[in-house]
């Protein structure tokens, strides 16, 4: 788990010393956690929006995402597979460029709702989802026949 997280983190341009990876999205803009979470969800990859150290906007609109490797490792994925997963994450994150959270607080909730709907229809994210699905089928979930 820790080795997988280290490789995943390195491929994403960060570091990890345990089974979790915290990725700052400040290069994409402030408060991009929601957008990233929804984009990756559409792409078939589960992450959580998460605040980062020195959060630049608000804990309600975090600027990072958190992901873990226990489920991937349990399914038999290795370090080389983390490289492939990181490439999908990077491709998905390209789709949120320019989707900055509004400066006006009262506009944010509706913006997030609209963005989620838009991302759910994004052809590039849906293509990644198909690739992720085909890849994941090679790694059965223990205990599920």
N, C-alpha and C. Protein backbone atom coordinates (compact mmCIF):
# COMPACT_ATOMS: atom_id res chain seq x y z
N UNK A 1 0.81 -1.19 0.00
CA UNK A 1 0.00 0.00 0.00
C UNK A 1 0.86 1.26 0.00
N UNK A 2 1.86 1.26 0.84
CA UNK A 2 2.71 2.45 0.96
C UNK A 2 3.53 2.65 -0.31
N UNK A 3 4.05 1.55 -0.88
CA UNK A 3 4.81 1.66 -2.13
C UNK A 3 3.92 2.18 -3.26
N UNK A 4 2.71 1.64 -3.33
CA UNK A 4 1.78 2.10 -4.36
C UNK A 4 1.47 3.58 -4.19
N UNK A 5 1.24 4.01 -2.97
CA UNK A 5 0.95 5.43 -2.71
C UNK A 5 2.15 6.30 -3.08
N UNK A 6 3.34 5.83 -2.78
CA UNK A 6 4.54 6.60 -3.11
C UNK A 6 4.68 6.79 -4.61
N UNK A 7 4.43 5.73 -5.38
CA UNK A 7 4.52 5.83 -6.84
C UNK A 7 3.41 6.73 -7.38
N UNK A 8 2.19 6.54 -6.90
CA UNK A 8 1.07 7.37 -7.34
C UNK A 8 1.36 8.85 -7.04
N UNK A 9 1.83 9.12 -5.85
CA UNK A 9 2.15 10.50 -5.46
C UNK A 9 3.23 11.08 -6.35
N UNK A 10 4.29 10.32 -6.57
CA UNK A 10 5.40 10.80 -7.40
C UNK A 10 4.91 11.14 -8.81
N UNK A 11 4.09 10.27 -9.38
CA UNK A 11 3.57 10.50 -10.73
C UNK A 11 2.69 11.74 -10.80
N UNK A 12 2.07 12.07 -9.66
CA UNK A 12 1.19 13.24 -9.60
C UNK A 12 1.93 14.50 -9.12
N UNK A 13 3.23 14.37 -8.88
CA UNK A 13 4.04 15.53 -8.51
C UNK A 13 4.00 15.88 -7.04
N UNK A 14 3.74 14.90 -6.19
CA UNK A 14 3.73 15.14 -4.75
C UNK A 14 4.43 13.97 -4.06
N UNK A 15 4.30 13.87 -2.75
CA UNK A 15 4.92 12.78 -2.00
C UNK A 15 3.91 12.16 -1.05
N UNK A 16 4.21 10.93 -0.64
CA UNK A 16 3.39 10.25 0.36
C UNK A 16 4.28 9.35 1.17
N UNK A 17 4.05 9.33 2.47
CA UNK A 17 4.81 8.45 3.36
C UNK A 17 3.92 7.37 3.97
N UNK A 18 2.66 7.33 3.55
CA UNK A 18 1.74 6.30 4.04
C UNK A 18 0.84 5.85 2.89
N UNK A 19 -0.34 5.37 3.18
CA UNK A 19 -1.24 4.84 2.16
C UNK A 19 -2.13 5.90 1.51
N UNK A 20 -1.97 7.15 1.91
CA UNK A 20 -2.79 8.24 1.39
C UNK A 20 -1.97 9.22 0.55
N UNK A 21 -2.64 9.82 -0.41
CA UNK A 21 -2.01 10.86 -1.23
C UNK A 21 -2.90 12.10 -1.15
N UNK A 22 -2.32 13.21 -0.75
CA UNK A 22 -3.01 14.50 -0.73
C UNK A 22 -2.42 15.34 -1.86
N UNK A 23 -3.27 15.73 -2.79
CA UNK A 23 -2.81 16.46 -3.96
C UNK A 23 -3.38 17.87 -3.96
N UNK A 24 -2.49 18.85 -3.97
CA UNK A 24 -2.90 20.25 -4.08
C UNK A 24 -3.27 20.54 -5.53
N UNK A 25 -4.37 21.23 -5.71
CA UNK A 25 -4.83 21.59 -7.05
C UNK A 25 -4.66 23.08 -7.33
N UNK A 26 -3.83 23.74 -6.54
CA UNK A 26 -3.69 25.19 -6.69
C UNK A 26 -3.13 25.58 -8.06
N UNK A 27 -2.44 24.68 -8.74
CA UNK A 27 -1.98 24.98 -10.10
C UNK A 27 -3.15 25.12 -11.06
N UNK A 28 -4.29 24.54 -10.70
CA UNK A 28 -5.49 24.60 -11.53
C UNK A 28 -6.38 25.78 -11.14
N UNK A 29 -6.17 26.35 -9.97
CA UNK A 29 -6.98 27.44 -9.46
C UNK A 29 -7.29 27.22 -7.99
N UNK A 30 -7.96 28.18 -7.38
CA UNK A 30 -8.33 28.05 -5.97
C UNK A 30 -9.67 27.33 -5.84
N UNK A 31 -9.80 26.53 -4.80
CA UNK A 31 -11.07 25.87 -4.52
C UNK A 31 -11.48 24.85 -5.56
N UNK A 32 -10.54 24.11 -6.12
CA UNK A 32 -10.83 23.18 -7.21
C UNK A 32 -11.16 21.76 -6.75
N UNK A 33 -11.28 21.54 -5.45
CA UNK A 33 -11.55 20.20 -4.93
C UNK A 33 -12.84 19.59 -5.43
N UNK A 34 -13.91 20.38 -5.40
CA UNK A 34 -15.20 19.88 -5.91
C UNK A 34 -15.10 19.49 -7.38
N UNK A 35 -14.54 20.39 -8.18
CA UNK A 35 -14.45 20.14 -9.61
C UNK A 35 -13.65 18.87 -9.88
N UNK A 36 -12.53 18.72 -9.18
CA UNK A 36 -11.70 17.53 -9.37
C UNK A 36 -12.43 16.27 -8.93
N UNK A 37 -13.08 16.34 -7.78
CA UNK A 37 -13.81 15.17 -7.29
C UNK A 37 -14.88 14.74 -8.29
N UNK A 38 -15.64 15.69 -8.81
CA UNK A 38 -16.70 15.36 -9.76
C UNK A 38 -16.14 14.88 -11.10
N UNK A 39 -15.07 15.49 -11.56
CA UNK A 39 -14.45 15.06 -12.82
C UNK A 39 -13.95 13.62 -12.69
N UNK A 40 -13.26 13.34 -11.60
CA UNK A 40 -12.72 12.00 -11.40
C UNK A 40 -13.83 10.98 -11.16
N UNK A 41 -14.88 11.39 -10.49
CA UNK A 41 -16.04 10.50 -10.30
C UNK A 41 -16.63 10.12 -11.66
N UNK A 42 -16.76 11.09 -12.55
CA UNK A 42 -17.25 10.82 -13.89
C UNK A 42 -16.31 9.88 -14.63
N UNK A 43 -15.02 10.01 -14.36
CA UNK A 43 -14.00 9.17 -15.01
C UNK A 43 -13.85 7.80 -14.34
N UNK A 44 -14.66 7.51 -13.32
CA UNK A 44 -14.61 6.20 -12.68
C UNK A 44 -13.54 6.07 -11.62
N UNK A 45 -13.04 7.17 -11.11
CA UNK A 45 -11.99 7.17 -10.10
C UNK A 45 -12.51 7.89 -8.86
N UNK A 46 -12.44 7.21 -7.72
CA UNK A 46 -12.99 7.78 -6.49
C UNK A 46 -11.90 8.48 -5.68
N UNK A 47 -12.14 9.75 -5.39
CA UNK A 47 -11.28 10.56 -4.52
C UNK A 47 -12.20 11.39 -3.64
N UNK A 48 -11.63 12.08 -2.68
CA UNK A 48 -12.38 13.00 -1.84
C UNK A 48 -11.79 14.39 -1.96
N UNK A 49 -12.65 15.40 -2.05
CA UNK A 49 -12.15 16.78 -1.97
C UNK A 49 -11.57 16.94 -0.57
N UNK A 50 -10.53 17.73 -0.44
CA UNK A 50 -9.85 17.85 0.84
C UNK A 50 -9.14 19.19 0.94
N UNK A 51 -9.14 19.75 2.13
CA UNK A 51 -8.36 20.97 2.32
C UNK A 51 -6.88 20.63 2.25
N UNK A 52 -6.10 21.64 1.96
CA UNK A 52 -4.65 21.48 1.90
C UNK A 52 -4.04 22.41 2.95
N UNK A 53 -2.78 22.18 3.32
CA UNK A 53 -2.13 23.12 4.24
C UNK A 53 -2.18 24.54 3.67
N UNK A 54 -2.47 25.50 4.53
CA UNK A 54 -2.59 26.90 4.12
C UNK A 54 -3.67 27.09 3.05
N UNK A 55 -4.79 26.41 3.25
CA UNK A 55 -5.91 26.46 2.30
C UNK A 55 -6.16 27.90 1.84
N UNK A 56 -6.08 28.16 0.52
CA UNK A 56 -6.18 29.54 0.05
C UNK A 56 -7.59 30.11 -0.07
N UNK A 57 -8.63 29.27 -0.04
CA UNK A 57 -9.96 29.84 -0.24
C UNK A 57 -10.90 29.56 0.92
N UNK A 58 -11.23 28.30 1.20
CA UNK A 58 -12.19 28.00 2.27
C UNK A 58 -12.25 26.49 2.48
N UNK A 59 -12.44 26.05 3.73
CA UNK A 59 -12.63 24.62 3.95
C UNK A 59 -13.90 24.10 3.27
N UNK A 60 -14.84 25.00 2.99
CA UNK A 60 -16.06 24.60 2.30
C UNK A 60 -15.83 24.37 0.81
N UNK A 61 -14.81 24.99 0.27
CA UNK A 61 -14.44 24.84 -1.13
C UNK A 61 -12.95 24.56 -1.19
N UNK A 62 -12.57 23.33 -0.84
CA UNK A 62 -11.15 22.99 -0.67
C UNK A 62 -10.38 22.99 -1.99
N UNK A 63 -9.08 23.12 -1.85
CA UNK A 63 -8.18 23.21 -3.00
C UNK A 63 -7.36 21.95 -3.21
N UNK A 64 -7.84 20.82 -2.72
CA UNK A 64 -7.10 19.59 -2.89
C UNK A 64 -8.02 18.39 -2.98
N UNK A 65 -7.40 17.25 -3.27
CA UNK A 65 -8.09 15.96 -3.24
C UNK A 65 -7.23 14.97 -2.49
N UNK A 66 -7.90 13.99 -1.91
CA UNK A 66 -7.21 12.93 -1.17
C UNK A 66 -7.63 11.60 -1.78
N UNK A 67 -6.65 10.72 -1.92
CA UNK A 67 -6.93 9.38 -2.43
C UNK A 67 -6.08 8.38 -1.66
N UNK A 68 -6.54 7.15 -1.61
CA UNK A 68 -5.82 6.11 -0.90
C UNK A 68 -5.58 4.91 -1.80
N UNK A 69 -4.62 4.08 -1.40
CA UNK A 69 -4.28 2.92 -2.20
C UNK A 69 -4.68 1.57 -1.60
N UNK A 70 -5.28 1.49 -0.41
CA UNK A 70 -5.62 0.18 0.14
C UNK A 70 -6.49 -0.68 -0.78
N UNK A 71 -7.55 -0.12 -1.33
CA UNK A 71 -8.44 -0.92 -2.18
C UNK A 71 -7.72 -1.38 -3.45
N UNK A 72 -6.89 -0.51 -4.02
CA UNK A 72 -6.14 -0.87 -5.22
C UNK A 72 -5.17 -2.01 -4.93
N UNK A 73 -4.48 -1.89 -3.82
CA UNK A 73 -3.49 -2.91 -3.43
C UNK A 73 -4.19 -4.23 -3.12
N UNK A 74 -5.31 -4.18 -2.43
CA UNK A 74 -6.06 -5.39 -2.09
C UNK A 74 -6.51 -6.12 -3.35
N UNK A 75 -6.80 -5.38 -4.39
CA UNK A 75 -7.23 -5.98 -5.66
C UNK A 75 -6.06 -6.51 -6.47
N UNK A 76 -4.83 -6.30 -6.01
CA UNK A 76 -3.66 -6.86 -6.68
C UNK A 76 -2.90 -5.90 -7.56
N UNK A 77 -3.22 -4.64 -7.51
CA UNK A 77 -2.50 -3.67 -8.33
C UNK A 77 -1.14 -3.37 -7.72
N UNK A 78 -0.18 -3.16 -8.61
CA UNK A 78 1.21 -2.93 -8.22
C UNK A 78 1.65 -1.52 -8.63
N UNK A 79 2.94 -1.25 -8.36
CA UNK A 79 3.48 0.08 -8.64
C UNK A 79 3.28 0.50 -10.10
N UNK A 80 3.50 -0.42 -11.04
CA UNK A 80 3.35 -0.08 -12.45
C UNK A 80 1.92 0.34 -12.78
N UNK A 81 0.97 -0.23 -12.05
CA UNK A 81 -0.43 0.14 -12.27
C UNK A 81 -0.73 1.54 -11.75
N UNK A 82 0.01 1.98 -10.75
CA UNK A 82 -0.18 3.34 -10.22
C UNK A 82 0.19 4.39 -11.26
N UNK A 83 1.16 4.06 -12.11
CA UNK A 83 1.56 4.97 -13.17
C UNK A 83 0.40 5.17 -14.14
N UNK A 84 -0.26 4.09 -14.50
CA UNK A 84 -1.42 4.16 -15.40
C UNK A 84 -2.55 4.96 -14.75
N UNK A 85 -2.81 4.68 -13.47
CA UNK A 85 -3.88 5.39 -12.75
C UNK A 85 -3.57 6.89 -12.67
N UNK A 86 -2.32 7.21 -12.40
CA UNK A 86 -1.92 8.62 -12.34
C UNK A 86 -2.14 9.31 -13.69
N UNK A 87 -1.89 8.59 -14.77
CA UNK A 87 -2.10 9.21 -16.09
C UNK A 87 -3.57 9.52 -16.32
N UNK A 88 -4.47 8.65 -15.86
CA UNK A 88 -5.91 8.94 -15.98
C UNK A 88 -6.29 10.13 -15.12
N UNK A 89 -5.73 10.19 -13.91
CA UNK A 89 -6.03 11.31 -13.02
C UNK A 89 -5.58 12.62 -13.66
N UNK A 90 -4.38 12.63 -14.22
CA UNK A 90 -3.88 13.85 -14.86
C UNK A 90 -4.74 14.26 -16.05
N UNK A 91 -5.15 13.28 -16.85
CA UNK A 91 -6.02 13.58 -17.99
C UNK A 91 -7.35 14.16 -17.52
N UNK A 92 -7.92 13.57 -16.47
CA UNK A 92 -9.20 14.06 -15.95
C UNK A 92 -9.05 15.47 -15.39
N UNK A 93 -7.95 15.73 -14.70
CA UNK A 93 -7.75 17.05 -14.12
C UNK A 93 -7.59 18.13 -15.19
N UNK A 94 -7.13 17.76 -16.37
CA UNK A 94 -7.04 18.73 -17.47
C UNK A 94 -8.42 19.28 -17.82
N UNK A 95 -9.44 18.47 -17.58
CA UNK A 95 -10.81 18.87 -17.93
C UNK A 95 -11.38 19.93 -16.99
N UNK A 96 -10.74 20.17 -15.85
CA UNK A 96 -11.26 21.18 -14.91
C UNK A 96 -10.54 22.51 -15.04
N UNK A 97 -9.54 22.57 -15.88
CA UNK A 97 -8.83 23.85 -16.06
C UNK A 97 -9.82 24.91 -16.50
N UNK A 98 -9.75 26.05 -15.85
CA UNK A 98 -10.65 27.15 -16.18
C UNK A 98 -11.98 27.12 -15.45
N UNK A 99 -12.20 26.10 -14.65
CA UNK A 99 -13.47 26.00 -13.90
C UNK A 99 -13.31 26.56 -12.49
N UNK A 100 -12.74 27.74 -12.40
CA UNK A 100 -12.47 28.37 -11.10
C UNK A 100 -13.75 28.65 -10.33
N UNK A 101 -13.66 28.47 -9.04
CA UNK A 101 -14.78 28.77 -8.14
C UNK A 101 -15.03 30.28 -8.18
N UNK A 102 -16.28 30.71 -8.23
CA UNK A 102 -16.56 32.16 -8.26
C UNK A 102 -16.04 32.87 -7.01
N UNK A 103 -15.62 34.09 -7.19
CA UNK A 103 -15.17 34.90 -6.05
C UNK A 103 -16.33 35.22 -5.12
N UNK A 104 -17.51 35.45 -5.68
CA UNK A 104 -18.69 35.80 -4.89
C UNK A 104 -19.25 34.55 -4.21
N UNK A 105 -19.26 34.55 -2.90
CA UNK A 105 -19.69 33.38 -2.13
C UNK A 105 -21.10 32.93 -2.49
N UNK A 106 -22.00 33.86 -2.73
CA UNK A 106 -23.38 33.50 -3.00
C UNK A 106 -23.56 32.81 -4.36
N UNK A 107 -22.57 32.87 -5.22
CA UNK A 107 -22.63 32.22 -6.53
C UNK A 107 -22.07 30.80 -6.51
N UNK A 108 -21.37 30.44 -5.47
CA UNK A 108 -20.61 29.19 -5.46
C UNK A 108 -21.47 27.93 -5.49
N UNK A 109 -22.51 27.85 -4.68
CA UNK A 109 -23.31 26.63 -4.59
C UNK A 109 -23.93 26.28 -5.95
N UNK A 110 -24.51 27.26 -6.61
CA UNK A 110 -25.12 27.01 -7.92
C UNK A 110 -24.06 26.65 -8.95
N UNK A 111 -22.92 27.32 -8.87
CA UNK A 111 -21.82 27.02 -9.79
C UNK A 111 -21.38 25.57 -9.65
N UNK A 112 -21.25 25.09 -8.43
CA UNK A 112 -20.84 23.70 -8.19
C UNK A 112 -21.88 22.75 -8.77
N UNK A 113 -23.16 23.02 -8.56
CA UNK A 113 -24.22 22.16 -9.11
C UNK A 113 -24.15 22.12 -10.63
N UNK A 114 -24.01 23.27 -11.25
CA UNK A 114 -23.94 23.35 -12.71
C UNK A 114 -22.70 22.64 -13.25
N UNK A 115 -21.59 22.81 -12.55
CA UNK A 115 -20.34 22.17 -12.97
C UNK A 115 -20.45 20.66 -12.89
N UNK A 116 -21.07 20.15 -11.85
CA UNK A 116 -21.25 18.70 -11.70
C UNK A 116 -22.05 18.14 -12.87
N UNK A 117 -23.12 18.81 -13.24
CA UNK A 117 -23.95 18.38 -14.38
C UNK A 117 -23.13 18.39 -15.66
N UNK A 118 -22.38 19.45 -15.87
CA UNK A 118 -21.55 19.58 -17.06
C UNK A 118 -20.48 18.50 -17.14
N UNK A 119 -19.80 18.27 -16.04
CA UNK A 119 -18.73 17.26 -16.03
C UNK A 119 -19.28 15.85 -16.26
N UNK A 120 -20.49 15.58 -15.80
CA UNK A 120 -21.09 14.25 -15.98
C UNK A 120 -21.32 13.92 -17.45
N UNK A 121 -21.32 14.94 -18.31
CA UNK A 121 -21.54 14.75 -19.75
C UNK A 121 -20.25 14.89 -20.57
N UNK A 122 -19.14 15.15 -19.91
CA UNK A 122 -17.88 15.42 -20.60
C UNK A 122 -17.38 14.17 -21.32
N UNK A 123 -17.25 14.26 -22.63
CA UNK A 123 -16.87 13.11 -23.46
C UNK A 123 -15.48 12.57 -23.11
N UNK A 124 -14.54 13.45 -22.81
CA UNK A 124 -13.19 12.99 -22.45
C UNK A 124 -13.21 12.22 -21.14
N UNK A 125 -13.98 12.69 -20.18
CA UNK A 125 -14.08 11.98 -18.89
C UNK A 125 -14.78 10.64 -19.07
N UNK A 126 -15.79 10.59 -19.91
CA UNK A 126 -16.50 9.33 -20.15
C UNK A 126 -15.60 8.33 -20.88
N UNK A 127 -14.71 8.82 -21.72
CA UNK A 127 -13.73 7.94 -22.39
C UNK A 127 -12.77 7.35 -21.36
N UNK A 128 -12.29 8.19 -20.45
CA UNK A 128 -11.42 7.70 -19.39
C UNK A 128 -12.15 6.66 -18.56
N UNK A 129 -13.42 6.90 -18.26
CA UNK A 129 -14.21 5.95 -17.46
C UNK A 129 -14.23 4.57 -18.11
N UNK A 130 -14.39 4.53 -19.41
CA UNK A 130 -14.40 3.25 -20.12
C UNK A 130 -13.04 2.56 -20.00
N UNK A 131 -11.96 3.31 -20.12
CA UNK A 131 -10.61 2.76 -19.96
C UNK A 131 -10.41 2.22 -18.55
N UNK A 132 -10.85 2.99 -17.56
CA UNK A 132 -10.72 2.58 -16.16
C UNK A 132 -11.51 1.30 -15.91
N UNK A 133 -12.72 1.25 -16.43
CA UNK A 133 -13.57 0.06 -16.25
C UNK A 133 -12.91 -1.18 -16.84
N UNK A 134 -12.42 -1.08 -18.06
CA UNK A 134 -11.77 -2.22 -18.71
C UNK A 134 -10.53 -2.66 -17.94
N UNK A 135 -9.78 -1.72 -17.43
CA UNK A 135 -8.59 -2.02 -16.64
C UNK A 135 -8.97 -2.70 -15.33
N UNK A 136 -9.95 -2.14 -14.64
CA UNK A 136 -10.35 -2.65 -13.32
C UNK A 136 -10.90 -4.07 -13.38
N UNK A 137 -11.48 -4.45 -14.50
CA UNK A 137 -12.02 -5.81 -14.63
C UNK A 137 -10.94 -6.88 -14.50
N UNK A 138 -9.69 -6.51 -14.72
CA UNK A 138 -8.56 -7.45 -14.59
C UNK A 138 -8.20 -7.71 -13.13
N UNK A 139 -8.78 -6.92 -12.22
CA UNK A 139 -8.44 -7.01 -10.80
C UNK A 139 -9.72 -7.21 -9.99
N UNK A 140 -10.10 -8.48 -9.79
CA UNK A 140 -11.36 -8.74 -9.07
C UNK A 140 -11.33 -8.23 -7.63
N UNK A 141 -12.50 -7.88 -7.15
CA UNK A 141 -12.66 -7.45 -5.76
C UNK A 141 -12.75 -8.71 -4.91
N UNK A 142 -11.86 -8.88 -3.93
CA UNK A 142 -11.91 -10.07 -3.08
C UNK A 142 -13.28 -10.21 -2.40
N UNK A 143 -13.82 -11.41 -2.44
CA UNK A 143 -15.09 -11.68 -1.78
C UNK A 143 -16.31 -11.43 -2.63
N UNK A 144 -16.11 -10.87 -3.83
CA UNK A 144 -17.24 -10.64 -4.74
C UNK A 144 -17.04 -11.54 -5.95
N UNK A 145 -17.99 -12.42 -6.14
CA UNK A 145 -17.89 -13.37 -7.26
C UNK A 145 -18.34 -12.76 -8.56
